[in-house]
Structure formats: structure tokens, C-alpha cells
């Protein structure tokens, strides 16, 4: 499972860095089909169900080891900044999200889109409470979300530390709620920065239950 990628609770997994060829989903599909059969081949990462090897179209990006398509690391391309939408104007408001995944358990510290970026680490509830979250906090930043109360946070310090060590981060913002348990996320980030050895200032933003930035 994805939560075990960094720290396995029974020490059964080990991460080894080495030079290797890029993952070839089509080649994996053909190999598994030849050795294990067609049914097993359809479970190969990136292989769309119901397609033969000849019809196989390789997906862009690299899915995480847990194999869930929703965890595939990908950068979301943005066009030119749209004209600001007035509050009285009907219609959709564009998202400022520029990468996926965003949940801290699922993100990879080595994902290339984190390098040379402004990073926002936000508590889960902030986006639902602050109506202008995309405009005022997320725009121009890469995003990681977490809940210090409900998540299993044992690996969070290590993962954020690795993210900071592996990438050039221009700025680091932490957004939390006023509720006491939410302050734990800021403490996790502070410890991660210290462990990373990087000199990165943390900008803390606190959001009240009324949806106002304190």
C-alpha cells in the first residue's frame, strides 16, 4: 500500500536508488501476458482493461507502487491566467491546482514538479473553510494536504524532510485551522525543516471557523 513506500512497519521493504531504464508499461503488459496469461496482464500498471497488447496505449506519468491509477504523479498544465471572475458573475471558477496527487501519504518527494517551486502544506479542512483558498493561498504553488488529527502521521516528518532535501523550494507556507489539534501540522513541518538541514522560513496562515484568515 502507498503508506508503506517510505517506512514499512515490518521492515519488509527497502528503497534502493540505482540507474535503471524508464518503466515500460507496454513491455510489462506483453511480458505478463506471455508468462501469466491475459487476465493477469490486464492488471499491469497502466494497462487499460479490455485492450490487447497491440491496442495497448501507454499512459503518461508513473503510477506509484500501490498501483492505483488515482495516485499517478502528474503535473497539471495551466494556460494563461483567466480574467478575474467577479463574485456576481455566474459560471465556473478555474482551479489553481497544478499537480496530482496532493495527499501527503501519496505524494512522492522525488516528483519533479516540486523542484524550484513554492510549496503550500495545508490542513485538509482549510480549503473547505476559506472560500478564496485557490485564489489567495494555492495560486502559483504546489500543494500537499494532511490532517494531523485523523491521519497516521508517523512518516510525515521524514517524507516532508525528504521533499525539502530533494528539491529547491522557494517558499514554504503552512495553512492550518484555529482548532487546537490542527497546530500539530505546523509542528510536523517545523521538525521536517530542521531535519532536512535546509534554511527555509515557514509562513504560517491560520484560518478561523468563520472562513477568515487570522
N, C-alpha and C. Protein backbone atom coordinates (compact mmCIF):
# COMPACT_ATOMS: atom_id res chain seq x y z
N UNK A 1 0.84 -1.19 0.00
CA UNK A 1 0.00 0.00 0.00
C UNK A 1 0.87 1.25 0.00
N UNK A 2 0.30 2.37 -0.44
CA UNK A 2 1.10 3.58 -0.58
C UNK A 2 1.76 4.06 0.70
N UNK A 3 1.09 3.84 1.84
CA UNK A 3 1.62 4.31 3.12
C UNK A 3 2.92 3.61 3.49
N UNK A 4 3.18 2.46 2.86
CA UNK A 4 4.38 1.69 3.22
C UNK A 4 5.58 2.03 2.34
N UNK A 5 5.43 2.94 1.39
CA UNK A 5 6.51 3.20 0.46
C UNK A 5 7.76 3.74 1.14
N UNK A 6 7.57 4.61 2.11
CA UNK A 6 8.73 5.23 2.78
C UNK A 6 9.20 4.44 3.99
N UNK A 7 8.28 4.00 4.81
CA UNK A 7 8.64 3.26 6.02
C UNK A 7 7.72 2.06 6.15
N UNK A 8 8.28 0.87 6.01
CA UNK A 8 7.48 -0.35 6.15
C UNK A 8 7.40 -0.72 7.62
N UNK A 9 6.21 -0.94 8.18
CA UNK A 9 6.08 -1.23 9.62
C UNK A 9 6.74 -2.54 10.05
N UNK A 10 6.99 -3.44 9.10
CA UNK A 10 7.64 -4.71 9.46
C UNK A 10 9.01 -4.85 8.78
N UNK A 11 9.53 -3.73 8.25
CA UNK A 11 10.86 -3.70 7.65
C UNK A 11 11.00 -4.70 6.50
N UNK A 12 9.95 -4.86 5.71
CA UNK A 12 9.99 -5.80 4.59
C UNK A 12 10.36 -5.13 3.28
N UNK A 13 10.26 -3.79 3.24
CA UNK A 13 10.55 -3.06 2.01
C UNK A 13 11.78 -2.19 2.20
N UNK A 14 12.60 -2.12 1.18
CA UNK A 14 13.80 -1.28 1.21
C UNK A 14 13.89 -0.50 -0.09
N UNK A 15 14.12 0.80 0.01
CA UNK A 15 14.24 1.64 -1.17
C UNK A 15 15.71 1.72 -1.57
N UNK A 16 16.00 1.33 -2.81
CA UNK A 16 17.36 1.34 -3.32
C UNK A 16 17.41 2.26 -4.53
N UNK A 17 18.30 3.22 -4.52
CA UNK A 17 18.45 4.14 -5.65
C UNK A 17 19.52 3.59 -6.60
N UNK A 18 19.15 3.47 -7.87
CA UNK A 18 20.09 2.98 -8.87
C UNK A 18 19.65 3.46 -10.25
N UNK A 19 20.59 3.42 -11.21
CA UNK A 19 20.26 3.77 -12.58
C UNK A 19 19.45 2.64 -13.21
N UNK A 20 18.35 2.98 -13.86
CA UNK A 20 17.53 1.95 -14.49
C UNK A 20 16.79 2.55 -15.67
N UNK A 21 16.29 1.68 -16.53
CA UNK A 21 15.51 2.14 -17.66
C UNK A 21 14.14 2.59 -17.18
N UNK A 22 13.54 3.52 -17.91
CA UNK A 22 12.22 4.01 -17.55
C UNK A 22 11.20 2.88 -17.67
N UNK A 23 10.25 2.86 -16.76
CA UNK A 23 9.21 1.82 -16.76
C UNK A 23 8.46 1.82 -18.08
N UNK A 24 8.41 0.65 -18.72
CA UNK A 24 7.73 0.49 -20.00
C UNK A 24 6.49 -0.35 -19.76
N UNK A 25 5.34 0.30 -19.65
CA UNK A 25 4.10 -0.41 -19.34
C UNK A 25 3.71 -1.39 -20.44
N UNK A 26 3.96 -1.03 -21.70
CA UNK A 26 3.60 -1.92 -22.80
C UNK A 26 4.43 -3.20 -22.76
N UNK A 27 5.75 -3.04 -22.50
CA UNK A 27 6.61 -4.21 -22.41
C UNK A 27 6.22 -5.09 -21.24
N UNK A 28 5.85 -4.46 -20.12
CA UNK A 28 5.41 -5.22 -18.95
C UNK A 28 4.13 -5.97 -19.26
N UNK A 29 3.23 -5.30 -19.97
CA UNK A 29 1.97 -5.94 -20.37
C UNK A 29 2.22 -7.19 -21.20
N UNK A 30 3.11 -7.05 -22.20
CA UNK A 30 3.40 -8.19 -23.08
C UNK A 30 4.08 -9.33 -22.32
N UNK A 31 4.99 -8.97 -21.41
CA UNK A 31 5.71 -10.00 -20.64
C UNK A 31 4.76 -10.77 -19.73
N UNK A 32 3.91 -10.04 -19.01
CA UNK A 32 2.98 -10.71 -18.10
C UNK A 32 1.96 -11.54 -18.88
N UNK A 33 1.53 -11.04 -20.02
CA UNK A 33 0.59 -11.80 -20.85
C UNK A 33 1.22 -13.12 -21.30
N UNK A 34 2.50 -13.07 -21.66
CA UNK A 34 3.20 -14.27 -22.14
C UNK A 34 3.46 -15.26 -21.03
N UNK A 35 3.78 -14.75 -19.84
CA UNK A 35 4.18 -15.65 -18.74
C UNK A 35 3.03 -16.00 -17.79
N UNK A 36 2.06 -15.09 -17.65
CA UNK A 36 1.00 -15.32 -16.66
C UNK A 36 -0.40 -15.40 -17.27
N UNK A 37 -0.52 -14.96 -18.52
CA UNK A 37 -1.82 -15.01 -19.15
C UNK A 37 -2.46 -13.64 -19.31
N UNK A 38 -3.51 -13.59 -20.14
CA UNK A 38 -4.17 -12.34 -20.49
C UNK A 38 -4.82 -11.67 -19.29
N UNK A 39 -5.46 -12.47 -18.42
CA UNK A 39 -6.15 -11.88 -17.28
C UNK A 39 -5.17 -11.16 -16.35
N UNK A 40 -4.02 -11.78 -16.10
CA UNK A 40 -3.01 -11.14 -15.24
C UNK A 40 -2.44 -9.90 -15.91
N UNK A 41 -2.30 -9.93 -17.24
CA UNK A 41 -1.72 -8.80 -17.96
C UNK A 41 -2.55 -7.55 -17.83
N UNK A 42 -3.88 -7.71 -17.72
CA UNK A 42 -4.75 -6.55 -17.61
C UNK A 42 -4.58 -5.83 -16.27
N UNK A 43 -3.88 -6.45 -15.31
CA UNK A 43 -3.65 -5.83 -14.00
C UNK A 43 -2.32 -5.08 -13.94
N UNK A 44 -1.57 -5.10 -15.04
CA UNK A 44 -0.29 -4.39 -15.09
C UNK A 44 -0.54 -2.89 -14.97
N UNK A 45 0.35 -2.20 -14.26
CA UNK A 45 0.23 -0.75 -14.07
C UNK A 45 0.09 -0.05 -15.42
N UNK A 46 -0.98 0.71 -15.58
CA UNK A 46 -1.15 1.50 -16.79
C UNK A 46 -1.83 0.77 -17.92
N UNK A 47 -2.14 -0.52 -17.76
CA UNK A 47 -2.78 -1.27 -18.83
C UNK A 47 -4.29 -1.15 -18.74
N UNK A 48 -4.96 -0.49 -19.69
CA UNK A 48 -6.42 -0.36 -19.64
C UNK A 48 -7.09 -1.69 -19.87
N UNK A 49 -8.06 -2.02 -19.04
CA UNK A 49 -8.74 -3.32 -19.12
C UNK A 49 -9.44 -3.47 -20.46
N UNK A 50 -9.33 -4.67 -21.03
CA UNK A 50 -10.04 -4.96 -22.26
C UNK A 50 -9.23 -4.72 -23.52
N UNK A 51 -8.00 -4.24 -23.42
CA UNK A 51 -7.18 -3.98 -24.60
C UNK A 51 -6.16 -5.10 -24.79
N UNK A 52 -5.92 -5.45 -26.03
CA UNK A 52 -4.87 -6.41 -26.33
C UNK A 52 -3.54 -5.69 -26.32
N UNK A 53 -2.46 -6.45 -26.44
CA UNK A 53 -1.13 -5.83 -26.44
C UNK A 53 -0.98 -4.88 -27.62
N UNK A 54 -1.59 -5.25 -28.77
CA UNK A 54 -1.48 -4.41 -29.95
C UNK A 54 -2.25 -3.11 -29.79
N UNK A 55 -3.34 -3.15 -29.02
CA UNK A 55 -4.19 -1.97 -28.83
C UNK A 55 -3.76 -1.13 -27.65
N UNK A 56 -2.75 -1.65 -26.92
CA UNK A 56 -2.34 -1.00 -25.67
C UNK A 56 -1.79 0.40 -25.93
N UNK A 57 -2.28 1.37 -25.18
CA UNK A 57 -1.78 2.73 -25.28
C UNK A 57 -1.15 3.09 -23.95
N UNK A 58 0.14 3.40 -23.97
CA UNK A 58 0.84 3.67 -22.72
C UNK A 58 0.38 4.96 -22.09
N UNK A 59 0.04 4.90 -20.80
CA UNK A 59 -0.41 6.08 -20.07
C UNK A 59 0.77 7.00 -19.79
N UNK A 60 0.52 8.29 -19.72
CA UNK A 60 1.56 9.23 -19.33
C UNK A 60 1.74 9.21 -17.82
N UNK A 61 2.96 9.48 -17.37
CA UNK A 61 3.25 9.53 -15.94
C UNK A 61 3.60 8.17 -15.40
N UNK A 62 3.98 8.15 -14.13
CA UNK A 62 4.40 6.92 -13.47
C UNK A 62 3.55 6.68 -12.24
N UNK A 63 2.71 5.63 -12.24
CA UNK A 63 1.91 5.36 -11.05
C UNK A 63 2.78 4.91 -9.91
N UNK A 64 2.35 5.18 -8.69
CA UNK A 64 3.08 4.73 -7.52
C UNK A 64 2.96 3.22 -7.40
N UNK A 65 3.78 2.65 -6.53
CA UNK A 65 3.86 1.20 -6.43
C UNK A 65 2.56 0.56 -5.97
N UNK A 66 1.65 1.32 -5.37
CA UNK A 66 0.40 0.72 -4.92
C UNK A 66 -0.51 0.39 -6.09
N UNK A 67 -0.21 0.94 -7.29
CA UNK A 67 -0.92 0.54 -8.49
C UNK A 67 -2.24 1.25 -8.75
N UNK A 68 -2.72 2.07 -7.87
CA UNK A 68 -3.99 2.76 -8.07
C UNK A 68 -3.80 3.87 -9.10
N UNK A 69 -4.61 3.91 -10.18
CA UNK A 69 -4.46 4.95 -11.20
C UNK A 69 -4.59 6.36 -10.62
N UNK A 70 -5.36 6.50 -9.54
CA UNK A 70 -5.55 7.83 -8.95
C UNK A 70 -4.34 8.38 -8.26
N UNK A 71 -3.29 7.55 -8.07
CA UNK A 71 -2.08 8.02 -7.40
C UNK A 71 -0.99 8.37 -8.40
N UNK A 72 -1.28 8.30 -9.70
CA UNK A 72 -0.27 8.58 -10.71
C UNK A 72 0.21 10.02 -10.59
N UNK A 73 1.52 10.21 -10.44
CA UNK A 73 2.08 11.55 -10.32
C UNK A 73 2.01 12.26 -11.66
N UNK A 74 1.41 13.43 -11.67
CA UNK A 74 1.29 14.17 -12.91
C UNK A 74 1.17 15.66 -12.64
N UNK A 75 1.73 16.43 -13.55
CA UNK A 75 1.63 17.87 -13.46
C UNK A 75 0.46 18.33 -14.31
N UNK A 76 -0.31 19.25 -13.78
CA UNK A 76 -1.50 19.75 -14.48
C UNK A 76 -1.14 21.06 -15.16
N UNK A 77 -1.14 21.04 -16.47
CA UNK A 77 -0.73 22.22 -17.24
C UNK A 77 -1.79 23.30 -17.17
N UNK A 78 -1.33 24.52 -17.01
CA UNK A 78 -2.23 25.67 -16.93
C UNK A 78 -2.01 26.58 -18.12
N UNK A 79 -3.10 27.17 -18.62
CA UNK A 79 -2.98 28.14 -19.69
C UNK A 79 -2.72 29.52 -19.12
N UNK A 80 -3.01 30.52 -19.90
CA UNK A 80 -2.83 31.89 -19.44
C UNK A 80 -3.81 32.19 -18.31
N UNK A 81 -3.41 33.10 -17.43
CA UNK A 81 -4.28 33.46 -16.32
C UNK A 81 -5.62 33.97 -16.86
N UNK A 82 -6.73 33.38 -16.41
CA UNK A 82 -8.04 33.83 -16.90
C UNK A 82 -8.38 35.20 -16.32
N UNK A 83 -9.29 35.87 -16.99
CA UNK A 83 -9.76 37.16 -16.48
C UNK A 83 -10.47 36.93 -15.16
N UNK A 84 -10.20 37.76 -14.19
CA UNK A 84 -10.79 37.59 -12.86
C UNK A 84 -12.31 37.54 -12.96
N UNK A 85 -12.89 36.59 -12.23
CA UNK A 85 -14.34 36.43 -12.23
C UNK A 85 -14.93 37.19 -11.05
N UNK A 86 -15.84 38.10 -11.31
CA UNK A 86 -16.47 38.85 -10.24
C UNK A 86 -17.42 37.94 -9.47
N UNK A 87 -17.62 38.26 -8.19
CA UNK A 87 -18.46 37.44 -7.35
C UNK A 87 -19.89 37.35 -7.89
N UNK A 88 -20.33 38.38 -8.59
CA UNK A 88 -21.70 38.40 -9.09
C UNK A 88 -21.84 37.69 -10.43
N UNK A 89 -20.71 37.26 -11.02
CA UNK A 89 -20.74 36.62 -12.33
C UNK A 89 -20.97 35.13 -12.18
N UNK A 90 -21.90 34.59 -12.95
CA UNK A 90 -22.15 33.16 -12.91
C UNK A 90 -21.12 32.44 -13.77
N UNK A 91 -20.97 31.13 -13.56
CA UNK A 91 -20.01 30.34 -14.32
C UNK A 91 -18.96 29.75 -13.42
N UNK A 92 -18.19 28.82 -13.99
CA UNK A 92 -17.18 28.12 -13.19
C UNK A 92 -15.98 29.00 -12.91
N UNK A 93 -15.37 28.77 -11.76
CA UNK A 93 -14.15 29.47 -11.37
C UNK A 93 -12.99 28.51 -11.57
N UNK A 94 -11.95 28.89 -12.29
CA UNK A 94 -10.86 27.97 -12.61
C UNK A 94 -10.10 27.52 -11.37
N UNK A 95 -9.67 26.27 -11.39
CA UNK A 95 -8.87 25.71 -10.30
C UNK A 95 -7.42 26.16 -10.45
N UNK A 96 -6.74 26.34 -9.32
CA UNK A 96 -5.33 26.69 -9.32
C UNK A 96 -4.45 25.47 -9.01
N UNK A 97 -5.05 24.30 -8.91
CA UNK A 97 -4.29 23.09 -8.64
C UNK A 97 -3.42 22.75 -9.84
N UNK A 98 -2.14 22.50 -9.61
CA UNK A 98 -1.21 22.28 -10.72
C UNK A 98 -0.48 20.95 -10.67
N UNK A 99 -0.88 20.05 -9.75
CA UNK A 99 -0.25 18.72 -9.73
C UNK A 99 -1.15 17.73 -9.03
N UNK A 100 -0.85 16.45 -9.21
CA UNK A 100 -1.58 15.36 -8.56
C UNK A 100 -0.61 14.21 -8.33
N UNK A 101 -0.71 13.47 -7.21
CA UNK A 101 -1.66 13.60 -6.11
C UNK A 101 -1.27 14.73 -5.16
N UNK A 102 -2.14 14.97 -4.15
CA UNK A 102 -1.87 16.03 -3.20
C UNK A 102 -1.83 15.54 -1.75
N UNK A 103 -2.41 14.37 -1.48
CA UNK A 103 -2.42 13.86 -0.11
C UNK A 103 -1.01 13.42 0.29
N UNK A 104 -0.56 13.81 1.47
CA UNK A 104 0.82 13.59 1.88
C UNK A 104 1.21 12.12 1.88
N UNK A 105 0.27 11.23 2.20
CA UNK A 105 0.57 9.80 2.17
C UNK A 105 0.91 9.33 0.75
N UNK A 106 0.39 10.02 -0.25
CA UNK A 106 0.53 9.56 -1.63
C UNK A 106 1.59 10.27 -2.45
N UNK A 107 1.95 11.50 -2.06
CA UNK A 107 2.91 12.25 -2.88
C UNK A 107 4.29 11.61 -2.80
N UNK A 108 5.04 11.78 -3.87
CA UNK A 108 6.43 11.31 -3.90
C UNK A 108 7.37 12.50 -3.69
N UNK A 109 8.28 12.41 -2.73
CA UNK A 109 9.24 13.52 -2.52
C UNK A 109 10.12 13.77 -3.73
N UNK A 110 10.22 12.77 -4.62
CA UNK A 110 11.05 12.90 -5.81
C UNK A 110 10.27 13.41 -7.02
N UNK A 111 9.00 13.70 -6.87
CA UNK A 111 8.21 14.18 -8.02
C UNK A 111 8.84 15.44 -8.59
N UNK A 112 9.11 15.50 -9.89
CA UNK A 112 9.86 16.62 -10.47
C UNK A 112 9.18 17.97 -10.35
N UNK A 113 7.85 18.00 -10.22
CA UNK A 113 7.17 19.30 -10.18
C UNK A 113 7.40 20.04 -8.87
N UNK A 114 7.94 19.37 -7.83
CA UNK A 114 8.23 20.07 -6.59
C UNK A 114 9.50 20.92 -6.69
N UNK A 115 10.40 20.57 -7.60
CA UNK A 115 11.66 21.29 -7.69
C UNK A 115 11.44 22.70 -8.22
N UNK A 116 12.11 23.66 -7.58
CA UNK A 116 12.00 25.08 -7.92
C UNK A 116 10.54 25.53 -7.87
N UNK A 117 9.93 25.32 -6.73
CA UNK A 117 8.52 25.68 -6.57
C UNK A 117 8.29 26.36 -5.23
N UNK A 118 7.15 27.01 -5.13
CA UNK A 118 6.64 27.49 -3.85
C UNK A 118 5.70 26.42 -3.33
N UNK A 119 5.90 26.00 -2.09
CA UNK A 119 5.17 24.86 -1.55
C UNK A 119 4.15 25.29 -0.50
N UNK A 120 2.92 24.78 -0.64
CA UNK A 120 1.87 25.01 0.34
C UNK A 120 1.51 23.67 0.98
N UNK A 121 1.66 23.58 2.29
CA UNK A 121 1.23 22.40 3.04
C UNK A 121 0.01 22.82 3.85
N UNK A 122 -1.15 22.26 3.51
CA UNK A 122 -2.40 22.74 4.09
C UNK A 122 -3.14 21.64 4.82
N UNK A 123 -3.74 21.98 5.93
CA UNK A 123 -4.62 21.05 6.62
C UNK A 123 -5.86 20.81 5.75
N UNK A 124 -6.39 19.60 5.81
CA UNK A 124 -7.48 19.22 4.92
C UNK A 124 -8.65 20.20 4.94
N UNK A 125 -9.02 20.68 6.12
CA UNK A 125 -10.23 21.49 6.26
C UNK A 125 -10.09 22.92 5.72
N UNK A 126 -8.88 23.38 5.50
CA UNK A 126 -8.69 24.79 5.13
C UNK A 126 -9.37 25.14 3.81
N UNK A 127 -9.29 24.23 2.84
CA UNK A 127 -9.87 24.53 1.52
C UNK A 127 -11.39 24.61 1.57
N UNK A 128 -11.99 23.92 2.55
CA UNK A 128 -13.45 23.95 2.67
C UNK A 128 -13.93 25.15 3.47
N UNK A 129 -13.04 25.70 4.28
CA UNK A 129 -13.41 26.81 5.15
C UNK A 129 -13.13 28.17 4.51
N UNK A 130 -11.99 28.28 3.84
CA UNK A 130 -11.60 29.53 3.20
C UNK A 130 -12.12 29.56 1.77
N UNK A 131 -13.12 30.39 1.53
CA UNK A 131 -13.74 30.43 0.21
C UNK A 131 -12.79 30.81 -0.91
N UNK A 132 -11.80 31.61 -0.58
CA UNK A 132 -10.85 32.09 -1.60
C UNK A 132 -9.55 31.29 -1.57
N UNK A 133 -9.62 30.02 -1.12
CA UNK A 133 -8.42 29.19 -0.96
C UNK A 133 -7.58 29.15 -2.24
N UNK A 134 -8.21 28.88 -3.37
CA UNK A 134 -7.45 28.78 -4.62
C UNK A 134 -6.81 30.12 -5.00
N UNK A 135 -7.57 31.18 -4.89
CA UNK A 135 -7.07 32.50 -5.29
C UNK A 135 -6.01 33.04 -4.34
N UNK A 136 -6.26 32.93 -3.04
CA UNK A 136 -5.39 33.60 -2.06
C UNK A 136 -4.24 32.73 -1.54
N UNK A 137 -4.41 31.41 -1.56
CA UNK A 137 -3.36 30.56 -1.00
C UNK A 137 -2.69 29.66 -2.02
N UNK A 138 -3.47 29.04 -2.90
CA UNK A 138 -2.93 28.00 -3.77
C UNK A 138 -2.29 28.52 -5.04
N UNK A 139 -2.73 29.61 -5.56
CA UNK A 139 -2.26 30.10 -6.86
C UNK A 139 -0.75 30.22 -6.90
N UNK A 140 -0.14 29.57 -7.90
CA UNK A 140 1.30 29.63 -8.09
C UNK A 140 2.10 28.69 -7.21
N UNK A 141 1.42 27.82 -6.44
CA UNK A 141 2.12 26.93 -5.51
C UNK A 141 1.82 25.47 -5.81
N UNK A 142 2.73 24.59 -5.38
CA UNK A 142 2.46 23.17 -5.35
C UNK A 142 1.84 22.84 -4.00
N UNK A 143 0.98 21.84 -3.97
CA UNK A 143 0.16 21.60 -2.78
C UNK A 143 0.35 20.21 -2.20
N UNK A 144 0.41 20.18 -0.86
CA UNK A 144 0.36 18.92 -0.11
C UNK A 144 -0.66 19.13 1.00
N UNK A 145 -1.58 18.16 1.17
CA UNK A 145 -2.57 18.28 2.24
C UNK A 145 -2.44 17.13 3.23
N UNK A 146 -2.84 17.40 4.47
CA UNK A 146 -2.76 16.39 5.52
C UNK A 146 -3.65 16.79 6.67
N UNK A 147 -4.01 15.82 7.50
CA UNK A 147 -4.76 16.09 8.72
C UNK A 147 -3.97 15.53 9.90
N UNK A 148 -3.46 16.39 10.78
CA UNK A 148 -2.64 15.92 11.90
C UNK A 148 -3.44 15.13 12.94
N UNK A 149 -4.77 15.22 12.90
CA UNK A 149 -5.59 14.52 13.89
C UNK A 149 -6.03 13.14 13.41
N UNK A 150 -6.46 13.04 12.14
CA UNK A 150 -7.04 11.81 11.65
C UNK A 150 -6.07 10.93 10.86
N UNK A 151 -5.02 11.52 10.31
CA UNK A 151 -4.04 10.74 9.54
C UNK A 151 -3.12 9.95 10.46
N UNK A 152 -2.53 8.91 9.92
CA UNK A 152 -1.42 8.23 10.59
C UNK A 152 -0.16 8.99 10.19
N UNK A 153 0.35 9.81 11.11
CA UNK A 153 1.38 10.80 10.77
C UNK A 153 2.81 10.35 11.07
N UNK A 154 3.01 9.08 11.38
CA UNK A 154 4.33 8.62 11.79
C UNK A 154 5.41 8.93 10.74
N UNK A 155 5.07 8.87 9.47
CA UNK A 155 6.07 9.05 8.41
C UNK A 155 6.11 10.47 7.86
N UNK A 156 5.25 11.35 8.35
CA UNK A 156 5.13 12.67 7.75
C UNK A 156 6.40 13.52 7.86
N UNK A 157 7.03 13.50 9.02
CA UNK A 157 8.24 14.31 9.20
C UNK A 157 9.32 13.87 8.22
N UNK A 158 9.52 12.57 8.11
CA UNK A 158 10.53 12.03 7.20
C UNK A 158 10.20 12.37 5.75
N UNK A 159 8.94 12.23 5.36
CA UNK A 159 8.57 12.47 3.97
C UNK A 159 8.73 13.94 3.59
N UNK A 160 8.28 14.85 4.45
CA UNK A 160 8.44 16.28 4.15
C UNK A 160 9.90 16.65 4.15
N UNK A 161 10.67 16.08 5.06
CA UNK A 161 12.10 16.34 5.10
C UNK A 161 12.77 15.92 3.80
N UNK A 162 12.40 14.75 3.28
CA UNK A 162 12.96 14.27 2.02
C UNK A 162 12.55 15.18 0.86
N UNK A 163 11.31 15.64 0.89
CA UNK A 163 10.85 16.54 -0.16
C UNK A 163 11.67 17.82 -0.18
N UNK A 164 11.95 18.35 1.00
CA UNK A 164 12.72 19.59 1.09
C UNK A 164 14.18 19.38 0.70
N UNK A 165 14.74 18.24 1.06
CA UNK A 165 16.14 17.95 0.74
C UNK A 165 16.32 17.69 -0.76
N UNK A 166 15.34 17.07 -1.39
CA UNK A 166 15.48 16.67 -2.79
C UNK A 166 15.14 17.77 -3.78
N UNK A 167 14.59 18.87 -3.29
CA UNK A 167 14.12 19.91 -4.20
C UNK A 167 14.51 21.30 -3.72
N UNK A 168 14.56 22.22 -4.66
CA UNK A 168 14.80 23.62 -4.34
C UNK A 168 13.44 24.27 -4.12
N UNK A 169 13.15 24.61 -2.88
CA UNK A 169 11.86 25.21 -2.52
C UNK A 169 12.05 26.70 -2.28
N UNK A 170 11.36 27.51 -3.06
CA UNK A 170 11.50 28.96 -2.94
C UNK A 170 10.83 29.49 -1.68
N UNK A 171 9.65 28.96 -1.35
CA UNK A 171 8.94 29.42 -0.15
C UNK A 171 8.10 28.27 0.38
N UNK A 172 7.85 28.30 1.69
CA UNK A 172 7.08 27.24 2.35
C UNK A 172 5.99 27.87 3.19
N UNK A 173 4.75 27.56 2.85
CA UNK A 173 3.59 28.09 3.57
C UNK A 173 2.82 26.94 4.20
N UNK A 174 2.44 27.11 5.46
CA UNK A 174 1.63 26.12 6.15
C UNK A 174 0.29 26.77 6.50
N UNK A 175 -0.80 26.15 6.08
CA UNK A 175 -2.14 26.68 6.37
C UNK A 175 -2.86 25.71 7.30
N UNK A 176 -3.31 26.22 8.44
CA UNK A 176 -3.99 25.38 9.43
C UNK A 176 -5.25 26.09 9.91
N UNK A 177 -6.08 25.33 10.63
CA UNK A 177 -7.29 25.88 11.22
C UNK A 177 -7.00 26.36 12.65
N UNK A 178 -7.94 27.10 13.22
CA UNK A 178 -7.75 27.61 14.58
C UNK A 178 -7.92 26.52 15.63
N UNK A 179 -8.54 25.40 15.28
CA UNK A 179 -8.76 24.34 16.27
C UNK A 179 -7.42 23.82 16.78
N UNK A 180 -7.31 23.50 18.07
CA UNK A 180 -6.03 23.14 18.68
C UNK A 180 -5.30 21.98 18.00
N UNK A 181 -6.03 20.94 17.61
CA UNK A 181 -5.37 19.77 17.04
C UNK A 181 -4.67 20.08 15.73
N UNK A 182 -5.12 21.12 15.03
CA UNK A 182 -4.57 21.45 13.73
C UNK A 182 -3.15 22.01 13.82
N UNK A 183 -2.79 22.55 14.98
CA UNK A 183 -1.45 23.11 15.15
C UNK A 183 -0.38 22.03 15.02
N UNK A 184 -0.79 20.77 15.16
CA UNK A 184 0.16 19.68 15.03
C UNK A 184 0.81 19.63 13.66
N UNK A 185 0.09 20.09 12.63
CA UNK A 185 0.67 20.08 11.28
C UNK A 185 1.83 21.06 11.19
N UNK A 186 1.69 22.21 11.81
CA UNK A 186 2.78 23.18 11.81
C UNK A 186 4.00 22.63 12.55
N UNK A 187 3.77 21.91 13.63
CA UNK A 187 4.88 21.30 14.38
C UNK A 187 5.58 20.24 13.54
N UNK A 188 4.81 19.46 12.79
CA UNK A 188 5.40 18.45 11.92
C UNK A 188 6.29 19.10 10.87
N UNK A 189 5.82 20.18 10.28
CA UNK A 189 6.59 20.87 9.25
C UNK A 189 7.85 21.49 9.85
N UNK A 190 7.75 22.07 11.02
CA UNK A 190 8.93 22.65 11.67
C UNK A 190 10.00 21.60 11.92
N UNK A 191 9.58 20.41 12.40
CA UNK A 191 10.54 19.34 12.64
C UNK A 191 11.14 18.82 11.33
N UNK A 192 10.33 18.79 10.29
CA UNK A 192 10.81 18.33 8.99
C UNK A 192 11.85 19.29 8.42
N UNK A 193 11.60 20.58 8.55
CA UNK A 193 12.57 21.57 8.08
C UNK A 193 13.88 21.43 8.83
N UNK A 194 13.81 21.26 10.13
CA UNK A 194 15.01 21.09 10.94
C UNK A 194 15.78 19.83 10.52
N UNK A 195 15.05 18.76 10.28
CA UNK A 195 15.69 17.50 9.90
C UNK A 195 16.31 17.58 8.50
N UNK A 196 15.71 18.38 7.63
CA UNK A 196 16.21 18.48 6.25
C UNK A 196 17.54 19.22 6.17
N UNK A 197 17.82 20.05 7.19
CA UNK A 197 19.05 20.82 7.17
C UNK A 197 18.96 22.05 6.29
N UNK A 198 17.80 22.31 5.73
CA UNK A 198 17.61 23.48 4.86
C UNK A 198 17.22 24.70 5.69
N UNK A 199 17.67 25.86 5.22
CA UNK A 199 17.32 27.12 5.88
C UNK A 199 16.09 27.69 5.17
N UNK A 200 14.92 27.23 5.57
CA UNK A 200 13.67 27.63 4.93
C UNK A 200 12.74 28.24 5.97
N UNK A 201 12.32 29.46 5.73
CA UNK A 201 11.38 30.12 6.63
C UNK A 201 9.97 29.58 6.37
N UNK A 202 9.22 29.38 7.43
CA UNK A 202 7.86 28.88 7.33
C UNK A 202 6.88 30.02 7.53
N UNK A 203 6.02 30.24 6.56
CA UNK A 203 4.95 31.23 6.70
C UNK A 203 3.70 30.50 7.16
N UNK A 204 3.22 30.80 8.35
CA UNK A 204 2.04 30.13 8.89
C UNK A 204 0.80 30.99 8.70
N UNK A 205 -0.23 30.38 8.15
CA UNK A 205 -1.51 31.04 7.96
C UNK A 205 -2.57 30.28 8.75
N UNK A 206 -3.30 31.00 9.59
CA UNK A 206 -4.33 30.38 10.43
C UNK A 206 -5.70 30.86 9.95
N UNK A 207 -6.61 29.90 9.76
CA UNK A 207 -7.94 30.22 9.25
C UNK A 207 -8.98 29.92 10.32
N UNK A 208 -9.83 30.90 10.57
CA UNK A 208 -10.87 30.73 11.57
C UNK A 208 -12.05 29.94 11.04
N UNK A 209 -12.91 29.48 11.96
CA UNK A 209 -14.08 28.72 11.55
C UNK A 209 -15.08 29.57 10.77
N UNK A 210 -14.90 30.89 10.85
CA UNK A 210 -15.76 31.78 10.09
C UNK A 210 -15.25 32.02 8.66
N UNK A 211 -14.16 31.33 8.32
CA UNK A 211 -13.63 31.45 6.97
C UNK A 211 -12.73 32.64 6.74
N UNK A 212 -12.30 33.28 7.82
CA UNK A 212 -11.43 34.44 7.72
C UNK A 212 -10.00 34.07 8.11
N UNK A 213 -9.03 34.68 7.43
CA UNK A 213 -7.63 34.48 7.77
C UNK A 213 -7.31 35.32 9.00
N UNK A 214 -6.78 34.67 10.03
CA UNK A 214 -6.48 35.38 11.28
C UNK A 214 -5.10 36.04 11.26
